[in-house]
N, C-alpha and C. Protein backbone atom coordinates (compact mmCIF):
# COMPACT_ATOMS: atom_id res chain seq x y z
N MET A 1 96.93 119.43 97.69
CA MET A 1 98.14 119.15 98.46
C MET A 1 97.80 119.13 99.95
N SER A 2 98.22 118.10 100.66
CA SER A 2 97.91 117.97 102.08
C SER A 2 98.70 118.98 102.90
N SER A 3 98.29 119.14 104.18
CA SER A 3 98.99 120.07 105.07
C SER A 3 100.43 119.65 105.28
N ASN A 4 100.68 118.31 105.36
CA ASN A 4 102.05 117.83 105.49
C ASN A 4 102.88 118.21 104.28
N ASP A 5 102.31 118.03 103.08
CA ASP A 5 103.01 118.40 101.85
C ASP A 5 103.40 119.87 101.87
N GLN A 6 102.47 120.71 102.26
CA GLN A 6 102.72 122.15 102.28
C GLN A 6 103.83 122.52 103.25
N ARG A 7 103.82 121.89 104.42
CA ARG A 7 104.85 122.19 105.42
C ARG A 7 106.24 121.79 104.91
N ILE A 8 106.32 120.61 104.31
CA ILE A 8 107.62 120.15 103.81
C ILE A 8 108.10 121.05 102.68
N ARG A 9 107.18 121.42 101.82
CA ARG A 9 107.57 122.25 100.68
C ARG A 9 108.11 123.60 101.16
N ARG A 10 107.45 124.19 102.16
CA ARG A 10 107.92 125.48 102.69
C ARG A 10 109.27 125.31 103.40
N ALA A 11 109.38 124.21 104.17
CA ALA A 11 110.59 124.02 104.97
C ALA A 11 111.83 123.88 104.09
N PHE A 12 111.68 123.26 102.94
CA PHE A 12 112.83 123.01 102.10
C PHE A 12 112.86 123.90 100.86
N ALA A 13 111.95 124.87 100.81
CA ALA A 13 111.93 125.86 99.74
C ALA A 13 112.07 125.21 98.36
N VAL A 14 111.27 124.19 98.11
CA VAL A 14 111.38 123.46 96.86
C VAL A 14 110.39 124.00 95.84
N LYS A 15 110.75 123.86 94.57
CA LYS A 15 109.90 124.35 93.49
C LYS A 15 109.19 123.20 92.76
N ASP A 16 109.92 122.16 92.48
CA ASP A 16 109.32 121.06 91.73
C ASP A 16 108.82 120.00 92.69
N TRP A 17 107.60 120.19 93.20
CA TRP A 17 107.06 119.30 94.23
C TRP A 17 106.83 117.90 93.69
N GLN A 18 106.39 117.80 92.43
CA GLN A 18 106.14 116.48 91.88
C GLN A 18 107.41 115.66 91.80
N GLU A 19 108.52 116.31 91.49
CA GLU A 19 109.80 115.60 91.42
C GLU A 19 110.19 115.07 92.79
N ILE A 20 109.95 115.88 93.81
CA ILE A 20 110.29 115.45 95.17
C ILE A 20 109.40 114.30 95.62
N LYS A 21 108.13 114.35 95.27
CA LYS A 21 107.21 113.30 95.69
C LYS A 21 107.58 111.95 95.08
N THR A 22 108.26 111.96 93.96
CA THR A 22 108.63 110.70 93.32
C THR A 22 110.06 110.27 93.62
N ALA A 23 110.78 111.06 94.38
CA ALA A 23 112.16 110.72 94.74
C ALA A 23 112.16 109.99 96.08
N ASP A 24 112.71 108.78 96.12
CA ASP A 24 112.67 107.96 97.33
C ASP A 24 113.28 108.67 98.53
N THR A 25 114.42 109.31 98.33
CA THR A 25 115.09 109.93 99.46
C THR A 25 114.27 111.08 100.03
N TRP A 26 113.64 111.88 99.18
CA TRP A 26 112.84 112.99 99.68
C TRP A 26 111.55 112.52 100.33
N GLN A 27 111.06 111.35 99.94
CA GLN A 27 109.85 110.83 100.57
C GLN A 27 110.03 110.60 102.05
N ILE A 28 111.27 110.42 102.49
CA ILE A 28 111.54 110.23 103.91
C ILE A 28 110.97 111.38 104.72
N PHE A 29 111.12 112.61 104.22
CA PHE A 29 110.63 113.77 104.97
C PHE A 29 109.11 113.77 105.05
N LYS A 30 108.45 113.35 104.00
CA LYS A 30 107.00 113.27 104.03
C LYS A 30 106.53 112.20 105.01
N ILE A 31 107.23 111.07 105.02
CA ILE A 31 106.88 110.00 105.95
C ILE A 31 107.09 110.47 107.39
N ILE A 32 108.21 111.12 107.65
CA ILE A 32 108.48 111.65 108.99
C ILE A 32 107.40 112.63 109.41
N ALA A 33 106.99 113.50 108.48
CA ALA A 33 105.96 114.49 108.79
C ALA A 33 104.65 113.82 109.19
N GLU A 34 104.30 112.72 108.51
CA GLU A 34 103.08 112.01 108.89
C GLU A 34 103.20 111.38 110.27
N PHE A 35 104.36 110.81 110.57
CA PHE A 35 104.58 110.27 111.91
C PHE A 35 104.47 111.36 112.97
N VAL A 36 105.10 112.51 112.72
CA VAL A 36 105.11 113.60 113.70
C VAL A 36 103.69 114.10 113.97
N GLU A 37 102.93 114.34 112.91
CA GLU A 37 101.56 114.81 113.09
C GLU A 37 100.72 113.78 113.82
N GLY A 38 100.88 112.51 113.45
CA GLY A 38 100.11 111.46 114.09
C GLY A 38 100.45 111.31 115.57
N PHE A 39 101.74 111.25 115.89
CA PHE A 39 102.15 111.14 117.29
C PHE A 39 101.68 112.33 118.11
N ASP A 40 101.80 113.53 117.54
CA ASP A 40 101.44 114.75 118.25
C ASP A 40 99.96 114.76 118.61
N LYS A 41 99.11 114.42 117.65
CA LYS A 41 97.67 114.47 117.90
C LYS A 41 97.19 113.29 118.74
N MET A 42 97.66 112.10 118.41
CA MET A 42 97.13 110.91 119.06
C MET A 42 97.57 110.80 120.52
N SER A 43 98.75 111.30 120.85
CA SER A 43 99.24 111.19 122.22
C SER A 43 98.42 112.02 123.21
N LYS A 44 97.59 112.92 122.70
CA LYS A 44 96.80 113.79 123.57
C LYS A 44 95.37 113.29 123.77
N ILE A 45 95.01 112.22 123.11
CA ILE A 45 93.60 111.83 123.07
C ILE A 45 93.18 111.00 124.28
N GLY A 46 94.04 110.07 124.73
CA GLY A 46 93.69 109.22 125.86
C GLY A 46 93.26 107.84 125.40
N PRO A 47 92.78 107.01 126.34
CA PRO A 47 92.45 105.61 126.02
C PRO A 47 91.39 105.49 124.94
N CYS A 48 91.66 104.67 123.94
CA CYS A 48 90.74 104.49 122.82
C CYS A 48 90.67 103.01 122.43
N VAL A 49 89.60 102.68 121.73
CA VAL A 49 89.46 101.37 121.10
C VAL A 49 89.33 101.59 119.60
N SER A 50 90.10 100.84 118.83
CA SER A 50 90.00 100.91 117.37
C SER A 50 88.92 99.95 116.88
N ILE A 51 88.04 100.47 116.03
CA ILE A 51 86.97 99.66 115.47
C ILE A 51 87.15 99.59 113.96
N PHE A 52 87.17 98.36 113.44
CA PHE A 52 87.41 98.12 112.02
C PHE A 52 86.22 97.42 111.39
N GLY A 53 86.12 97.55 110.08
CA GLY A 53 85.07 96.87 109.32
C GLY A 53 84.94 97.47 107.95
N SER A 54 84.06 96.93 107.17
CA SER A 54 83.94 97.30 105.76
C SER A 54 83.42 98.71 105.55
N ALA A 55 84.08 99.41 104.61
CA ALA A 55 83.60 100.73 104.18
C ALA A 55 82.34 100.61 103.34
N ARG A 56 82.00 99.42 102.89
CA ARG A 56 80.86 99.22 101.99
C ARG A 56 79.56 98.92 102.72
N THR A 57 79.62 98.83 104.04
CA THR A 57 78.42 98.52 104.82
C THR A 57 77.48 99.71 104.86
N LYS A 58 76.22 99.48 104.49
CA LYS A 58 75.22 100.55 104.41
C LYS A 58 74.57 100.80 105.78
N PRO A 59 74.06 102.03 105.98
CA PRO A 59 73.47 102.37 107.29
C PRO A 59 72.31 101.47 107.71
N GLU A 60 71.61 100.90 106.75
CA GLU A 60 70.47 100.04 107.11
C GLU A 60 70.90 98.61 107.48
N HIS A 61 72.16 98.28 107.28
CA HIS A 61 72.63 96.92 107.56
C HIS A 61 72.83 96.73 109.06
N ARG A 62 72.59 95.53 109.51
CA ARG A 62 72.71 95.27 110.96
C ARG A 62 74.14 95.42 111.45
N PHE A 63 75.15 95.19 110.59
CA PHE A 63 76.53 95.38 111.03
C PHE A 63 76.81 96.85 111.31
N TYR A 64 76.23 97.74 110.53
CA TYR A 64 76.38 99.18 110.76
C TYR A 64 75.79 99.53 112.12
N GLN A 65 74.58 99.05 112.36
CA GLN A 65 73.90 99.35 113.63
C GLN A 65 74.64 98.72 114.81
N LEU A 66 75.22 97.55 114.58
CA LEU A 66 75.98 96.88 115.64
C LEU A 66 77.24 97.67 115.97
N ALA A 67 77.94 98.15 114.95
CA ALA A 67 79.15 98.95 115.18
C ALA A 67 78.82 100.23 115.92
N GLU A 68 77.73 100.86 115.55
CA GLU A 68 77.30 102.09 116.23
C GLU A 68 77.01 101.82 117.71
N ASP A 69 76.34 100.71 117.98
CA ASP A 69 75.98 100.35 119.36
C ASP A 69 77.22 100.04 120.18
N ILE A 70 78.16 99.30 119.61
CA ILE A 70 79.41 98.97 120.31
C ILE A 70 80.18 100.24 120.66
N ALA A 71 80.32 101.13 119.69
CA ALA A 71 81.06 102.36 119.93
C ALA A 71 80.38 103.21 120.99
N HIS A 72 79.07 103.29 120.92
CA HIS A 72 78.30 104.07 121.91
C HIS A 72 78.56 103.54 123.32
N LYS A 73 78.48 102.22 123.48
CA LYS A 73 78.66 101.62 124.81
C LYS A 73 80.10 101.77 125.29
N LEU A 74 81.07 101.59 124.41
CA LEU A 74 82.47 101.77 124.81
C LEU A 74 82.74 103.20 125.26
N THR A 75 82.15 104.14 124.56
CA THR A 75 82.33 105.54 124.91
C THR A 75 81.75 105.84 126.29
N LEU A 76 80.61 105.26 126.60
CA LEU A 76 80.02 105.45 127.92
C LEU A 76 80.90 104.87 129.02
N ASP A 77 81.74 103.89 128.66
CA ASP A 77 82.68 103.30 129.62
C ASP A 77 84.00 104.06 129.68
N GLY A 78 84.10 105.17 128.95
CA GLY A 78 85.27 106.03 129.08
C GLY A 78 86.28 105.95 127.97
N TYR A 79 86.02 105.15 126.95
CA TYR A 79 86.96 105.02 125.84
C TYR A 79 86.61 105.99 124.72
N GLY A 80 87.65 106.48 124.05
CA GLY A 80 87.45 107.12 122.77
C GLY A 80 87.39 106.06 121.69
N ILE A 81 86.95 106.44 120.51
CA ILE A 81 86.83 105.50 119.40
C ILE A 81 87.72 105.97 118.25
N ILE A 82 88.54 105.04 117.74
CA ILE A 82 89.38 105.29 116.58
C ILE A 82 88.85 104.46 115.42
N THR A 83 88.68 105.10 114.25
CA THR A 83 88.33 104.36 113.04
C THR A 83 89.22 104.83 111.90
N GLY A 84 89.00 104.21 110.74
CA GLY A 84 89.70 104.64 109.54
C GLY A 84 89.13 105.89 108.92
N GLY A 85 88.10 106.45 109.53
CA GLY A 85 87.61 107.76 109.13
C GLY A 85 86.67 107.81 107.95
N GLY A 86 86.42 106.66 107.31
CA GLY A 86 85.61 106.64 106.10
C GLY A 86 84.16 106.28 106.35
N PRO A 87 83.49 105.76 105.31
CA PRO A 87 82.07 105.38 105.43
C PRO A 87 81.91 103.98 106.02
N GLY A 88 80.68 103.47 105.96
CA GLY A 88 80.41 102.11 106.40
C GLY A 88 80.58 101.92 107.90
N ILE A 89 81.26 100.84 108.27
CA ILE A 89 81.49 100.53 109.68
C ILE A 89 82.22 101.66 110.38
N MET A 90 83.15 102.30 109.68
CA MET A 90 83.90 103.41 110.27
C MET A 90 82.97 104.56 110.65
N GLU A 91 82.10 104.91 109.73
CA GLU A 91 81.12 105.97 110.01
C GLU A 91 80.23 105.59 111.18
N ALA A 92 79.77 104.34 111.20
CA ALA A 92 78.90 103.88 112.28
C ALA A 92 79.57 104.01 113.63
N ALA A 93 80.83 103.61 113.71
CA ALA A 93 81.55 103.68 114.99
C ALA A 93 81.77 105.13 115.42
N ASN A 94 82.16 105.99 114.49
CA ASN A 94 82.32 107.41 114.83
C ASN A 94 80.98 108.02 115.25
N LYS A 95 79.91 107.59 114.61
CA LYS A 95 78.57 108.09 114.98
C LYS A 95 78.21 107.66 116.40
N GLY A 96 78.50 106.40 116.73
CA GLY A 96 78.21 105.93 118.07
C GLY A 96 78.96 106.70 119.13
N ALA A 97 80.23 107.00 118.85
CA ALA A 97 81.02 107.79 119.79
C ALA A 97 80.47 109.20 119.92
N LYS A 98 80.10 109.77 118.79
CA LYS A 98 79.62 111.16 118.78
C LYS A 98 78.31 111.29 119.56
N THR A 99 77.38 110.38 119.32
CA THR A 99 76.09 110.48 119.99
C THR A 99 76.20 110.23 121.49
N ALA A 100 77.26 109.53 121.91
CA ALA A 100 77.48 109.31 123.34
C ALA A 100 78.30 110.42 123.99
N GLY A 101 78.69 111.40 123.19
CA GLY A 101 79.46 112.52 123.73
C GLY A 101 80.91 112.20 123.98
N GLY A 102 81.44 111.17 123.30
CA GLY A 102 82.83 110.77 123.51
C GLY A 102 83.76 111.25 122.43
N LYS A 103 85.00 110.85 122.55
CA LYS A 103 86.03 111.25 121.58
C LYS A 103 85.90 110.38 120.32
N SER A 104 85.85 111.04 119.18
CA SER A 104 85.64 110.36 117.91
C SER A 104 86.80 110.68 116.97
N VAL A 105 87.66 109.69 116.75
CA VAL A 105 88.92 109.88 116.01
C VAL A 105 88.81 109.23 114.63
N GLY A 106 89.29 109.91 113.61
CA GLY A 106 89.30 109.35 112.27
C GLY A 106 90.67 109.42 111.65
N LEU A 107 91.22 108.25 111.29
CA LEU A 107 92.53 108.18 110.62
C LEU A 107 92.28 107.85 109.15
N ASN A 108 92.07 108.88 108.37
CA ASN A 108 91.66 108.72 106.99
C ASN A 108 92.88 108.43 106.10
N ILE A 109 92.63 107.93 104.90
CA ILE A 109 93.70 107.61 103.96
C ILE A 109 93.33 108.18 102.60
N GLU A 110 94.31 108.79 101.93
CA GLU A 110 94.08 109.32 100.59
C GLU A 110 94.16 108.18 99.58
N LEU A 111 93.06 107.95 98.85
CA LEU A 111 93.00 106.90 97.85
C LEU A 111 92.46 107.49 96.55
N PRO A 112 92.80 106.89 95.40
CA PRO A 112 92.35 107.45 94.13
C PRO A 112 90.85 107.35 93.90
N PHE A 113 90.17 106.38 94.55
CA PHE A 113 88.75 106.19 94.29
C PHE A 113 87.88 106.30 95.53
N GLU A 114 88.47 106.37 96.67
CA GLU A 114 87.80 106.54 97.95
C GLU A 114 88.89 106.95 98.93
N GLN A 115 88.69 107.55 100.01
CA GLN A 115 87.44 107.68 100.68
C GLN A 115 87.42 109.06 101.31
N SER A 116 86.28 109.70 101.38
CA SER A 116 86.17 110.96 102.09
C SER A 116 85.86 110.66 103.55
N SER A 117 86.23 111.58 104.43
CA SER A 117 85.99 111.36 105.85
C SER A 117 84.51 111.51 106.16
N ASN A 118 84.05 110.78 107.17
CA ASN A 118 82.64 110.87 107.55
C ASN A 118 82.39 112.08 108.46
N ALA A 119 81.12 112.38 108.65
CA ALA A 119 80.73 113.62 109.33
C ALA A 119 80.75 113.52 110.85
N TYR A 120 81.09 112.36 111.41
CA TYR A 120 80.97 112.16 112.85
C TYR A 120 82.32 112.19 113.58
N ILE A 121 83.36 112.58 112.88
CA ILE A 121 84.69 112.69 113.48
C ILE A 121 84.85 114.07 114.11
N ASP A 122 85.45 114.14 115.30
CA ASP A 122 85.76 115.43 115.89
C ASP A 122 86.74 116.16 114.96
N PRO A 123 86.46 117.41 114.62
CA PRO A 123 87.32 118.13 113.67
C PRO A 123 88.80 118.15 114.05
N ASP A 124 89.09 118.21 115.34
CA ASP A 124 90.49 118.26 115.78
C ASP A 124 91.11 116.87 115.90
N LYS A 125 90.34 115.83 115.57
CA LYS A 125 90.84 114.45 115.69
C LYS A 125 90.78 113.72 114.36
N LEU A 126 90.79 114.47 113.27
CA LEU A 126 90.85 113.89 111.94
C LEU A 126 92.26 114.06 111.39
N ILE A 127 92.88 112.95 111.03
CA ILE A 127 94.21 112.96 110.43
C ILE A 127 94.12 112.20 109.11
N THR A 128 94.66 112.77 108.06
CA THR A 128 94.64 112.12 106.75
C THR A 128 96.05 111.72 106.36
N PHE A 129 96.22 110.44 106.01
CA PHE A 129 97.52 109.89 105.70
C PHE A 129 97.64 109.55 104.22
N ASP A 130 98.87 109.57 103.72
CA ASP A 130 99.17 109.06 102.39
C ASP A 130 99.65 107.61 102.47
N TYR A 131 100.23 107.23 103.62
CA TYR A 131 100.89 105.94 103.73
C TYR A 131 100.11 105.02 104.67
N PHE A 132 99.76 103.84 104.14
CA PHE A 132 99.03 102.87 104.95
C PHE A 132 99.83 102.44 106.17
N PHE A 133 101.14 102.26 106.03
CA PHE A 133 101.92 101.74 107.15
C PHE A 133 102.00 102.73 108.31
N VAL A 134 102.01 104.03 108.02
CA VAL A 134 101.99 105.03 109.08
C VAL A 134 100.63 105.00 109.78
N ARG A 135 99.60 104.95 108.98
CA ARG A 135 98.23 104.91 109.52
C ARG A 135 98.03 103.68 110.40
N LYS A 136 98.50 102.51 109.96
CA LYS A 136 98.32 101.29 110.75
C LYS A 136 99.05 101.37 112.08
N LEU A 137 100.21 102.01 112.09
CA LEU A 137 100.93 102.18 113.34
C LEU A 137 100.10 102.97 114.35
N MET A 138 99.41 104.02 113.86
CA MET A 138 98.59 104.83 114.76
C MET A 138 97.43 104.02 115.34
N PHE A 139 96.82 103.17 114.50
CA PHE A 139 95.75 102.31 114.99
C PHE A 139 96.22 101.45 116.16
N ILE A 140 97.42 100.90 116.03
CA ILE A 140 97.90 99.94 117.01
C ILE A 140 98.52 100.63 118.23
N LYS A 141 99.33 101.63 117.99
CA LYS A 141 100.06 102.29 119.08
C LYS A 141 99.12 102.96 120.08
N TYR A 142 98.03 103.51 119.59
CA TYR A 142 97.17 104.30 120.47
C TYR A 142 95.84 103.63 120.79
N ALA A 143 95.73 102.33 120.56
CA ALA A 143 94.50 101.61 120.88
C ALA A 143 94.70 100.72 122.09
N GLN A 144 93.69 100.65 122.92
CA GLN A 144 93.71 99.74 124.08
C GLN A 144 92.98 98.44 123.74
N GLY A 145 92.42 98.37 122.55
CA GLY A 145 91.74 97.16 122.11
C GLY A 145 91.28 97.32 120.67
N PHE A 146 91.04 96.18 120.02
CA PHE A 146 90.51 96.16 118.65
C PHE A 146 89.15 95.49 118.66
N VAL A 147 88.19 96.09 118.00
CA VAL A 147 86.91 95.45 117.73
C VAL A 147 86.79 95.36 116.22
N VAL A 148 86.68 94.13 115.71
CA VAL A 148 86.74 93.91 114.27
C VAL A 148 85.41 93.34 113.78
N LEU A 149 84.70 94.14 112.99
CA LEU A 149 83.46 93.69 112.39
C LEU A 149 83.74 93.18 110.98
N PRO A 150 82.77 92.52 110.34
CA PRO A 150 83.00 91.98 109.01
C PRO A 150 83.52 93.03 108.02
N GLY A 151 84.54 92.62 107.27
CA GLY A 151 85.14 93.53 106.30
C GLY A 151 85.94 92.77 105.27
N GLY A 152 86.66 93.51 104.45
CA GLY A 152 87.41 92.93 103.35
C GLY A 152 88.90 92.88 103.61
N PHE A 153 89.67 93.06 102.55
CA PHE A 153 91.13 92.93 102.65
C PHE A 153 91.72 93.91 103.67
N GLY A 154 91.25 95.17 103.66
CA GLY A 154 91.79 96.15 104.59
C GLY A 154 91.56 95.76 106.04
N THR A 155 90.36 95.28 106.32
CA THR A 155 90.03 94.82 107.68
C THR A 155 90.91 93.65 108.09
N MET A 156 91.08 92.70 107.17
CA MET A 156 91.93 91.54 107.46
C MET A 156 93.38 91.96 107.69
N ASP A 157 93.84 92.90 106.90
CA ASP A 157 95.20 93.41 107.04
C ASP A 157 95.43 93.98 108.43
N GLU A 158 94.50 94.80 108.89
CA GLU A 158 94.63 95.42 110.21
C GLU A 158 94.55 94.38 111.32
N LEU A 159 93.67 93.41 111.16
CA LEU A 159 93.53 92.34 112.16
C LEU A 159 94.82 91.53 112.27
N PHE A 160 95.34 91.04 111.15
CA PHE A 160 96.50 90.16 111.20
C PHE A 160 97.79 90.92 111.53
N GLU A 161 97.83 92.20 111.23
CA GLU A 161 98.97 93.01 111.68
C GLU A 161 99.05 92.99 113.20
N ALA A 162 97.90 93.24 113.85
CA ALA A 162 97.88 93.26 115.31
C ALA A 162 98.20 91.89 115.89
N LEU A 163 97.60 90.83 115.32
CA LEU A 163 97.86 89.47 115.82
C LEU A 163 99.33 89.10 115.69
N THR A 164 99.94 89.47 114.57
CA THR A 164 101.35 89.15 114.36
C THR A 164 102.24 89.86 115.37
N LEU A 165 101.97 91.13 115.62
CA LEU A 165 102.79 91.90 116.55
C LEU A 165 102.66 91.39 117.97
N ILE A 166 101.45 90.97 118.36
CA ILE A 166 101.26 90.42 119.70
C ILE A 166 101.91 89.04 119.79
N GLN A 167 101.68 88.20 118.78
CA GLN A 167 102.24 86.85 118.77
C GLN A 167 103.76 86.85 118.88
N THR A 168 104.40 87.82 118.24
CA THR A 168 105.87 87.89 118.22
C THR A 168 106.44 88.77 119.33
N ASN A 169 105.56 89.21 120.25
CA ASN A 169 105.97 90.03 121.39
C ASN A 169 106.60 91.36 120.98
N LYS A 170 106.21 91.86 119.84
CA LYS A 170 106.68 93.19 119.42
C LYS A 170 105.88 94.30 120.10
N ILE A 171 104.67 93.97 120.52
CA ILE A 171 103.87 94.91 121.30
C ILE A 171 103.24 94.13 122.45
N GLY A 172 102.73 94.84 123.44
CA GLY A 172 102.07 94.20 124.55
C GLY A 172 100.71 93.65 124.15
N ARG A 173 100.24 92.71 124.92
CA ARG A 173 98.94 92.08 124.67
C ARG A 173 97.83 93.10 124.89
N PHE A 174 96.85 93.12 124.00
CA PHE A 174 95.63 93.87 124.22
C PHE A 174 94.46 93.08 123.63
N PRO A 175 93.23 93.35 124.05
CA PRO A 175 92.10 92.52 123.61
C PRO A 175 91.75 92.76 122.15
N ILE A 176 91.49 91.66 121.43
CA ILE A 176 91.03 91.70 120.05
C ILE A 176 89.72 90.93 119.99
N VAL A 177 88.68 91.59 119.52
CA VAL A 177 87.34 91.00 119.52
C VAL A 177 86.82 90.96 118.09
N LEU A 178 86.46 89.77 117.61
CA LEU A 178 85.85 89.61 116.30
C LEU A 178 84.34 89.49 116.49
N VAL A 179 83.60 90.33 115.77
CA VAL A 179 82.16 90.40 115.97
C VAL A 179 81.43 89.71 114.81
N ASP A 180 80.48 88.87 115.17
CA ASP A 180 79.63 88.07 114.30
C ASP A 180 80.30 86.72 114.02
N VAL A 181 79.95 85.75 114.84
CA VAL A 181 80.57 84.43 114.79
C VAL A 181 80.37 83.77 113.43
N LYS A 182 79.18 83.93 112.86
CA LYS A 182 78.89 83.30 111.56
C LYS A 182 79.83 83.81 110.48
N PHE A 183 80.07 85.12 110.44
CA PHE A 183 80.93 85.68 109.41
C PHE A 183 82.35 85.12 109.51
N TRP A 184 82.87 85.01 110.73
CA TRP A 184 84.25 84.60 110.92
C TRP A 184 84.43 83.08 110.98
N SER A 185 83.34 82.31 110.96
CA SER A 185 83.44 80.87 111.20
C SER A 185 84.26 80.15 110.12
N GLY A 186 84.12 80.56 108.86
CA GLY A 186 84.89 79.92 107.79
C GLY A 186 86.38 80.10 107.99
N MET A 187 86.78 81.32 108.33
CA MET A 187 88.20 81.58 108.58
C MET A 187 88.68 80.80 109.79
N MET A 188 87.84 80.70 110.80
CA MET A 188 88.24 79.97 112.00
C MET A 188 88.43 78.49 111.71
N GLU A 189 87.56 77.91 110.91
CA GLU A 189 87.71 76.50 110.54
C GLU A 189 89.01 76.27 109.78
N TRP A 190 89.33 77.19 108.87
CA TRP A 190 90.57 77.08 108.11
C TRP A 190 91.79 77.19 109.02
N ILE A 191 91.74 78.12 109.96
CA ILE A 191 92.86 78.27 110.90
C ILE A 191 93.04 77.01 111.74
N LYS A 192 91.93 76.47 112.24
CA LYS A 192 92.01 75.28 113.12
C LYS A 192 92.41 74.03 112.34
N ASN A 193 91.78 73.83 111.17
CA ASN A 193 91.94 72.56 110.46
C ASN A 193 93.09 72.54 109.48
N THR A 194 93.61 73.71 109.14
CA THR A 194 94.71 73.75 108.18
C THR A 194 95.96 74.40 108.79
N VAL A 195 95.81 75.65 109.25
CA VAL A 195 96.98 76.39 109.72
C VAL A 195 97.58 75.74 110.96
N ILE A 196 96.75 75.40 111.93
CA ILE A 196 97.25 74.75 113.15
C ILE A 196 97.69 73.32 112.86
N MET A 197 96.89 72.59 112.08
CA MET A 197 97.23 71.19 111.77
C MET A 197 98.54 71.08 111.01
N GLU A 198 98.85 72.10 110.21
CA GLU A 198 100.12 72.11 109.48
C GLU A 198 101.28 72.66 110.33
N GLY A 199 100.97 73.04 111.56
CA GLY A 199 102.01 73.52 112.46
C GLY A 199 102.50 74.92 112.18
N LYS A 200 101.67 75.73 111.49
CA LYS A 200 102.10 77.08 111.13
C LYS A 200 101.90 78.08 112.28
N ILE A 201 100.96 77.79 113.14
CA ILE A 201 100.80 78.55 114.39
C ILE A 201 100.53 77.55 115.50
N SER A 202 100.58 78.02 116.75
CA SER A 202 100.33 77.15 117.90
C SER A 202 98.85 77.22 118.29
N PRO A 203 98.29 76.15 118.84
CA PRO A 203 96.89 76.18 119.26
C PRO A 203 96.58 77.34 120.22
N GLU A 204 97.55 77.66 121.08
CA GLU A 204 97.30 78.75 122.05
C GLU A 204 97.21 80.12 121.39
N ASP A 205 97.62 80.23 120.14
CA ASP A 205 97.48 81.51 119.44
C ASP A 205 96.02 81.89 119.24
N LEU A 206 95.14 80.90 119.31
CA LEU A 206 93.71 81.19 119.21
C LEU A 206 93.22 82.00 120.41
N ASP A 207 93.99 82.00 121.49
CA ASP A 207 93.61 82.77 122.68
C ASP A 207 93.88 84.26 122.52
N LEU A 208 94.50 84.64 121.42
CA LEU A 208 94.81 86.06 121.21
C LEU A 208 93.59 86.89 120.84
N PHE A 209 92.48 86.21 120.54
CA PHE A 209 91.27 86.95 120.17
C PHE A 209 90.03 86.21 120.67
N ARG A 210 88.92 86.93 120.67
CA ARG A 210 87.64 86.37 121.09
C ARG A 210 86.61 86.58 119.99
N LEU A 211 85.63 85.67 119.90
CA LEU A 211 84.53 85.82 118.96
C LEU A 211 83.24 86.07 119.74
N VAL A 212 82.48 87.06 119.29
CA VAL A 212 81.22 87.41 119.97
C VAL A 212 80.16 87.73 118.91
N ASP A 213 78.93 87.88 119.39
CA ASP A 213 77.83 88.22 118.49
C ASP A 213 77.14 89.53 118.83
N THR A 214 77.25 89.99 120.07
CA THR A 214 76.48 91.16 120.49
C THR A 214 77.39 92.30 120.93
N ALA A 215 76.79 93.49 120.97
CA ALA A 215 77.53 94.66 121.43
C ALA A 215 77.94 94.50 122.89
N GLU A 216 77.03 93.94 123.68
CA GLU A 216 77.32 93.76 125.11
C GLU A 216 78.52 92.83 125.32
N GLU A 217 78.57 91.76 124.53
CA GLU A 217 79.69 90.82 124.64
C GLU A 217 81.01 91.47 124.22
N ALA A 218 80.96 92.28 123.17
CA ALA A 218 82.17 92.93 122.69
C ALA A 218 82.73 93.88 123.74
N VAL A 219 81.87 94.69 124.32
CA VAL A 219 82.31 95.65 125.33
C VAL A 219 82.80 94.92 126.57
N ALA A 220 82.12 93.84 126.95
CA ALA A 220 82.55 93.06 128.12
C ALA A 220 83.94 92.50 127.93
N CYS A 221 84.27 92.06 126.72
CA CYS A 221 85.61 91.51 126.46
C CYS A 221 86.69 92.55 126.73
N ILE A 222 86.45 93.78 126.30
CA ILE A 222 87.42 94.85 126.53
C ILE A 222 87.56 95.12 128.02
N ASN A 223 86.43 95.28 128.70
CA ASN A 223 86.47 95.61 130.13
C ASN A 223 87.04 94.46 130.96
N GLU A 224 86.68 93.23 130.61
CA GLU A 224 87.16 92.08 131.38
C GLU A 224 88.67 91.90 131.22
N PHE A 225 89.19 92.21 130.07
CA PHE A 225 90.63 92.06 129.86
C PHE A 225 91.41 92.89 130.87
N TYR A 226 91.03 94.15 131.03
CA TYR A 226 91.79 95.02 131.91
C TYR A 226 91.53 94.72 133.38
N SER A 227 90.33 94.27 133.72
CA SER A 227 90.08 93.91 135.12
C SER A 227 90.76 92.58 135.46
N LYS A 228 90.79 91.63 134.51
CA LYS A 228 91.40 90.32 134.73
C LYS A 228 92.89 90.42 134.96
N TYR A 229 93.54 91.25 134.16
CA TYR A 229 95.01 91.37 134.25
C TYR A 229 95.45 92.51 135.17
N LEU A 230 94.48 93.08 135.88
CA LEU A 230 94.76 94.17 136.82
C LEU A 230 95.51 95.31 136.14
N LEU A 231 95.13 95.55 134.91
CA LEU A 231 95.75 96.62 134.13
C LEU A 231 94.77 97.75 133.93
N LYS A 232 95.31 98.91 133.66
CA LYS A 232 94.50 100.02 133.23
C LYS A 232 94.89 100.37 131.81
N PRO A 233 93.94 100.89 131.03
CA PRO A 233 94.30 101.31 129.67
C PRO A 233 95.45 102.30 129.70
N ASN A 234 96.18 102.38 128.61
CA ASN A 234 97.32 103.28 128.52
C ASN A 234 96.93 104.73 128.78
N PHE A 235 97.96 105.53 129.00
CA PHE A 235 97.82 106.96 129.29
C PHE A 235 97.35 107.17 130.71
């Protein structure tokens, strides 16, 4: 049972916890508890960049090493690093932050088959969620930029959530960087030749993100965004 579960159970002096967990109305309290814990911890951390990518990426893979390098360099520029808290690209990014002496945040998710948190997260900056939508809000609300390395459905979900919110002016603009041009090229061709040609998005929507190949380029995109728009990261 998670710490949130325990707090709710004590607060409402309930006996049949399983019954409450399956009742829609009672789930509201669990959802609120996750929001409260997330807001409380994340609001104290300061400017961060969220780094996304596949949990299946092995330490010997160049994408792992690239994520570690990007996180290390961003941390040296004063940013904390937020990841999903698991293995693969997430572990690499937390490792890069840790080795640079920066803030290393992990927003983990409880899943039936994965994932345990990695060893490079600061103990006071690890939050474990039951709900993907609460977790995604934390990624977006407390990030000054997104760096997206190759990944699967979860990575795509996080990327397009951010793009949709920016496109519809639900949140302010922030830099989104896709790393490894070759990996993303197929999706880019589909967006240009099908999605735009069919009028489903505007050509200028392509300006919402940048494609790069190196750690230096990724970090430069984040830094250039704030210097270009005369903005400072939040907090």
